[in-house]
Amino acid sequence: MAMQVKAPHGKSAAPTINVTPLVDVVLVLLIIFMVVTPLLDRKFWVHTPKQEKVEVTQPDENEAPLVLRIGAGGEFEINGVTLTKEEFLQRLPRMFAARSDHVLFVSAVDAVPYQHVVEAMDLAREAGAVTIAPLTKPLGAEGS
């Protein structure tokens, strides 16, 4: 540490910091990190889940897809048959039991509140629907 001495008449010493050793240490550390960094082994392990292959079966061509239509009054209609909420909950599991696929297409009138559509999809999930697909166009509609 260096000190600068003032003139004899002030009789006080003003301390100053010598930064040369600090710069030396920082440069040595910088060189060490520059040499060591390329030598680091940059590996990390990722454990991904194993993929289970499930064979997809095509539904029979004779089977019409199940289409749930929700009317403006909140009534349910499956493939043209109008059902109450209780009948819907009783009949839908039996319909899925008779089918190889558990796919339900959902269509709703524009006037139906979104809440009713979501509740209907929740009821369908409880009844055994595995895949619920909302329809944007009537099923079987052609072209763009």
C-alpha atoms as a PDB file:
ATOM      1  CA  MET A   1       0.000   0.000   0.000  1.00  0.00           C
ATOM      2  CA  ALA A   2       1.431   3.282  -1.016  1.00  0.00           C
ATOM      3  CA  MET A   3       1.062   6.501   0.863  1.00  0.00           C
ATOM      4  CA  GLN A   4       1.609   9.978  -0.320  1.00  0.00           C
ATOM      5  CA  VAL A   5       3.164  12.343   2.133  1.00  0.00           C
ATOM      6  CA  LYS A   6       2.250  15.971   2.021  1.00  0.00           C
ATOM      7  CA  ALA A   7       4.393  18.897   2.692  1.00  0.00           C
ATOM      8  CA  PRO A   8       5.877  19.121   6.200  1.00  0.00           C
ATOM      9  CA  HIS A   9       3.665  22.014   7.202  1.00  0.00           C
ATOM     10  CA  GLY A  10       0.400  19.866   6.851  1.00  0.00           C
ATOM     11  CA  LYS A  11       1.768  17.046   8.953  1.00  0.00           C
ATOM     12  CA  SER A  12      -0.863  14.578   7.617  1.00  0.00           C
ATOM     13  CA  ALA A  13      -0.617  11.638   5.307  1.00  0.00           C
ATOM     14  CA  ALA A  14      -3.266  10.947   2.623  1.00  0.00           C
ATOM     15  CA  PRO A  15      -3.729   7.211   1.966  1.00  0.00           C
ATOM     16  CA  THR A  16      -4.074   5.965  -1.629  1.00  0.00           C
ATOM     17  CA  ILE A  17      -4.872   2.460  -2.796  1.00  0.00           C
ATOM     18  CA  ASN A  18      -2.465   0.686  -5.076  1.00  0.00           C
ATOM     19  CA  VAL A  19      -4.684  -1.310  -7.496  1.00  0.00           C
ATOM     20  CA  THR A  20      -1.869  -3.093  -9.279  1.00  0.00           C
ATOM     21  CA  PRO A  21      -2.090  -6.285  -7.170  1.00  0.00           C
ATOM     22  CA  LEU A  22      -5.866  -6.329  -7.606  1.00  0.00           C
ATOM     23  CA  VAL A  23      -5.530  -6.091 -11.386  1.00  0.00           C
ATOM     24  CA  ASP A  24      -2.912  -8.854 -11.352  1.00  0.00           C
ATOM     25  CA  VAL A  25      -5.199 -11.201  -9.430  1.00  0.00           C
ATOM     26  CA  VAL A  26      -8.170 -10.475 -11.726  1.00  0.00           C
ATOM     27  CA  LEU A  27      -6.084 -11.087 -14.842  1.00  0.00           C
ATOM     28  CA  VAL A  28      -4.742 -14.366 -13.468  1.00  0.00           C
ATOM     29  CA  LEU A  29      -8.304 -15.517 -12.687  1.00  0.00           C
ATOM     30  CA  LEU A  30      -9.438 -14.477 -16.153  1.00  0.00           C
ATOM     31  CA  ILE A  31      -6.670 -16.512 -17.772  1.00  0.00           C
ATOM     32  CA  ILE A  32      -7.490 -19.539 -15.601  1.00  0.00           C
ATOM     33  CA  PHE A  33     -11.174 -19.393 -16.586  1.00  0.00           C
ATOM     34  CA  MET A  34     -10.304 -18.932 -20.256  1.00  0.00           C
ATOM     35  CA  VAL A  35      -8.101 -22.034 -20.183  1.00  0.00           C
ATOM     36  CA  VAL A  36     -10.472 -24.226 -18.139  1.00  0.00           C
ATOM     37  CA  THR A  37     -13.783 -23.355 -19.871  1.00  0.00           C
ATOM     38  CA  PRO A  38     -13.133 -25.205 -23.175  1.00  0.00           C
ATOM     39  CA  LEU A  39     -12.097 -28.285 -21.224  1.00  0.00           C
ATOM     40  CA  LEU A  40     -15.383 -28.546 -19.323  1.00  0.00           C
ATOM     41  CA  ASP A  41     -17.554 -31.452 -20.324  1.00  0.00           C
ATOM     42  CA  ARG A  42     -21.013 -30.111 -21.158  1.00  0.00           C
ATOM     43  CA  LYS A  43     -23.245 -33.137 -20.695  1.00  0.00           C
ATOM     44  CA  PHE A  44     -26.588 -33.424 -19.038  1.00  0.00           C
ATOM     45  CA  TRP A  45     -28.983 -36.327 -18.865  1.00  0.00           C
ATOM     46  CA  VAL A  46     -32.595 -36.124 -19.967  1.00  0.00           C
ATOM     47  CA  HIS A  47     -34.971 -38.859 -18.942  1.00  0.00           C
ATOM     48  CA  THR A  48     -37.907 -38.949 -21.325  1.00  0.00           C
ATOM     49  CA  PRO A  49     -40.970 -41.109 -20.766  1.00  0.00           C
ATOM     50  CA  LYS A  50     -41.199 -44.276 -22.787  1.00  0.00           C
ATOM     51  CA  GLN A  51     -43.663 -44.182 -25.631  1.00  0.00           C
ATOM     52  CA  GLU A  52     -46.407 -46.730 -25.424  1.00  0.00           C
ATOM     53  CA  LYS A  53     -47.601 -47.814 -28.815  1.00  0.00           C
ATOM     54  CA  VAL A  54     -51.335 -48.262 -28.940  1.00  0.00           C
ATOM     55  CA  GLU A  55     -52.860 -49.850 -31.968  1.00  0.00           C
ATOM     56  CA  VAL A  56     -55.524 -47.607 -33.429  1.00  0.00           C
ATOM     57  CA  THR A  57     -58.555 -49.394 -34.743  1.00  0.00           C
ATOM     58  CA  GLN A  58     -60.711 -47.953 -37.448  1.00  0.00           C
ATOM     59  CA  PRO A  59     -64.406 -47.757 -36.603  1.00  0.00           C
ATOM     60  CA  ASP A  60     -66.757 -49.882 -38.633  1.00  0.00           C
ATOM     61  CA  GLU A  61     -67.951 -48.196 -41.778  1.00  0.00           C
ATOM     62  CA  ASN A  62     -71.502 -49.202 -40.866  1.00  0.00           C
ATOM     63  CA  GLU A  63     -71.336 -47.328 -37.555  1.00  0.00           C
ATOM     64  CA  ALA A  64     -72.431 -43.726 -37.771  1.00  0.00           C
ATOM     65  CA  PRO A  65     -70.373 -41.388 -35.591  1.00  0.00           C
ATOM     66  CA  LEU A  66     -71.995 -40.154 -32.406  1.00  0.00           C
ATOM     67  CA  VAL A  67     -72.891 -36.497 -32.822  1.00  0.00           C
ATOM     68  CA  LEU A  68     -74.188 -34.536 -29.854  1.00  0.00           C
ATOM     69  CA  ARG A  69     -76.130 -31.460 -30.899  1.00  0.00           C
ATOM     70  CA  ILE A  70     -77.005 -28.891 -28.247  1.00  0.00           C
ATOM     71  CA  GLY A  71     -80.104 -26.874 -29.112  1.00  0.00           C
ATOM     72  CA  ALA A  72     -80.891 -23.259 -28.283  1.00  0.00           C
ATOM     73  CA  GLY A  73     -82.993 -24.327 -25.282  1.00  0.00           C
ATOM     74  CA  GLY A  74     -80.185 -26.484 -23.913  1.00  0.00           C
ATOM     75  CA  GLU A  75     -81.726 -29.778 -25.093  1.00  0.00           C
ATOM     76  CA  PHE A  76     -79.484 -32.651 -26.106  1.00  0.00           C
ATOM     77  CA  GLU A  77     -79.814 -34.489 -29.375  1.00  0.00           C
ATOM     78  CA  ILE A  78     -77.681 -37.512 -30.244  1.00  0.00           C
ATOM     79  CA  ASN A  79     -77.849 -38.613 -33.876  1.00  0.00           C
ATOM     80  CA  GLY A  80     -81.308 -37.074 -34.251  1.00  0.00           C
ATOM     81  CA  VAL A  81     -82.786 -38.452 -30.998  1.00  0.00           C
ATOM     82  CA  THR A  82     -83.775 -35.736 -28.502  1.00  0.00           C
ATOM     83  CA  LEU A  83     -82.862 -36.575 -24.901  1.00  0.00           C
ATOM     84  CA  THR A  84     -83.228 -34.940 -21.523  1.00  0.00           C
ATOM     85  CA  LYS A  85     -80.169 -34.519 -19.310  1.00  0.00           C
ATOM     86  CA  GLU A  86     -81.047 -37.633 -17.283  1.00  0.00           C
ATOM     87  CA  GLU A  87     -81.652 -39.745 -20.402  1.00  0.00           C
ATOM     88  CA  PHE A  88     -78.393 -38.446 -21.849  1.00  0.00           C
ATOM     89  CA  LEU A  89     -76.468 -39.613 -18.777  1.00  0.00           C
ATOM     90  CA  GLN A  90     -78.158 -43.043 -18.886  1.00  0.00           C
ATOM     91  CA  ARG A  91     -77.979 -43.756 -22.614  1.00  0.00           C
ATOM     92  CA  LEU A  92     -74.553 -42.436 -23.544  1.00  0.00           C
ATOM     93  CA  PRO A  93     -72.570 -45.051 -21.524  1.00  0.00           C
ATOM     94  CA  ARG A  94     -74.622 -47.809 -23.193  1.00  0.00           C
ATOM     95  CA  MET A  95     -73.937 -46.279 -26.606  1.00  0.00           C
ATOM     96  CA  PHE A  96     -70.195 -46.264 -25.924  1.00  0.00           C
ATOM     97  CA  ALA A  97     -70.329 -49.849 -24.624  1.00  0.00           C
ATOM     98  CA  ALA A  98     -71.742 -50.973 -27.950  1.00  0.00           C
ATOM     99  CA  ARG A  99     -69.049 -49.198 -29.960  1.00  0.00           C
ATOM    100  CA  SER A 100     -65.381 -49.876 -30.560  1.00  0.00           C
ATOM    101  CA  ASP A 101     -64.483 -46.177 -30.359  1.00  0.00           C
ATOM    102  CA  HIS A 102     -65.409 -43.688 -27.657  1.00  0.00           C
ATOM    103  CA  VAL A 103     -65.449 -40.596 -29.853  1.00  0.00           C
ATOM    104  CA  LEU A 104     -68.165 -37.988 -29.523  1.00  0.00           C
ATOM    105  CA  PHE A 105     -68.596 -35.073 -31.895  1.00  0.00           C
ATOM    106  CA  VAL A 106     -70.190 -31.978 -30.381  1.00  0.00           C
ATOM    107  CA  SER A 107     -72.136 -29.347 -32.283  1.00  0.00           C
ATOM    108  CA  ALA A 108     -74.027 -26.430 -30.775  1.00  0.00           C
ATOM    109  CA  VAL A 109     -76.366 -23.764 -32.041  1.00  0.00           C
ATOM    110  CA  ASP A 110     -74.844 -20.270 -32.014  1.00  0.00           C
ATOM    111  CA  ALA A 111     -77.378 -19.076 -29.426  1.00  0.00           C
ATOM    112  CA  VAL A 112     -76.239 -21.609 -26.799  1.00  0.00           C
ATOM    113  CA  PRO A 113     -74.097 -20.081 -24.025  1.00  0.00           C
ATOM    114  CA  TYR A 114     -70.559 -21.444 -23.858  1.00  0.00           C
ATOM    115  CA  GLN A 115     -71.172 -22.638 -20.294  1.00  0.00           C
ATOM    116  CA  HIS A 116     -73.873 -25.075 -21.462  1.00  0.00           C
ATOM    117  CA  VAL A 117     -71.581 -26.538 -24.111  1.00  0.00           C
ATOM    118  CA  VAL A 118     -68.769 -27.077 -21.596  1.00  0.00           C
ATOM    119  CA  GLU A 119     -71.189 -28.670 -19.115  1.00  0.00           C
ATOM    120  CA  ALA A 120     -72.425 -31.013 -21.855  1.00  0.00           C
ATOM    121  CA  MET A 121     -68.841 -32.007 -22.694  1.00  0.00           C
ATOM    122  CA  ASP A 122     -68.162 -32.629 -18.984  1.00  0.00           C
ATOM    123  CA  LEU A 123     -71.243 -34.853 -18.772  1.00  0.00           C
ATOM    124  CA  ALA A 124     -70.103 -36.723 -21.880  1.00  0.00           C
ATOM    125  CA  ARG A 125     -66.667 -37.256 -20.327  1.00  0.00           C
ATOM    126  CA  GLU A 126     -68.334 -38.655 -17.189  1.00  0.00           C
ATOM    127  CA  ALA A 127     -70.451 -40.935 -19.365  1.00  0.00           C
ATOM    128  CA  GLY A 128     -67.353 -42.477 -20.950  1.00  0.00           C
ATOM    129  CA  ALA A 129     -66.339 -40.327 -23.901  1.00  0.00           C
ATOM    130  CA  VAL A 130     -62.580 -40.577 -24.420  1.00  0.00           C
ATOM    131  CA  THR A 131     -62.296 -38.155 -27.328  1.00  0.00           C
ATOM    132  CA  ILE A 132     -64.595 -35.161 -27.592  1.00  0.00           C
ATOM    133  CA  ALA A 133     -64.318 -33.305 -30.888  1.00  0.00           C
ATOM    134  CA  PRO A 134     -66.107 -29.999 -31.444  1.00  0.00           C
ATOM    135  CA  LEU A 135     -67.533 -29.593 -34.926  1.00  0.00           C
ATOM    136  CA  THR A 136     -67.025 -26.361 -36.821  1.00  0.00           C
ATOM    137  CA  LYS A 137     -68.979 -27.549 -39.844  1.00  0.00           C
ATOM    138  CA  PRO A 138     -71.828 -30.029 -40.024  1.00  0.00           C
ATOM    139  CA  LEU A 139     -70.518 -33.595 -40.210  1.00  0.00           C
ATOM    140  CA  GLY A 140     -70.351 -34.719 -43.833  1.00  0.00           C
ATOM    141  CA  ALA A 141     -70.295 -31.150 -45.219  1.00  0.00           C
ATOM    142  CA  GLU A 142     -68.184 -30.977 -48.321  1.00  0.00           C
ATOM    143  CA  GLY A 143     -65.491 -28.636 -49.495  1.00  0.00           C
ATOM    144  CA  SER A 144     -64.317 -25.287 -48.322  1.00  0.00           C
END
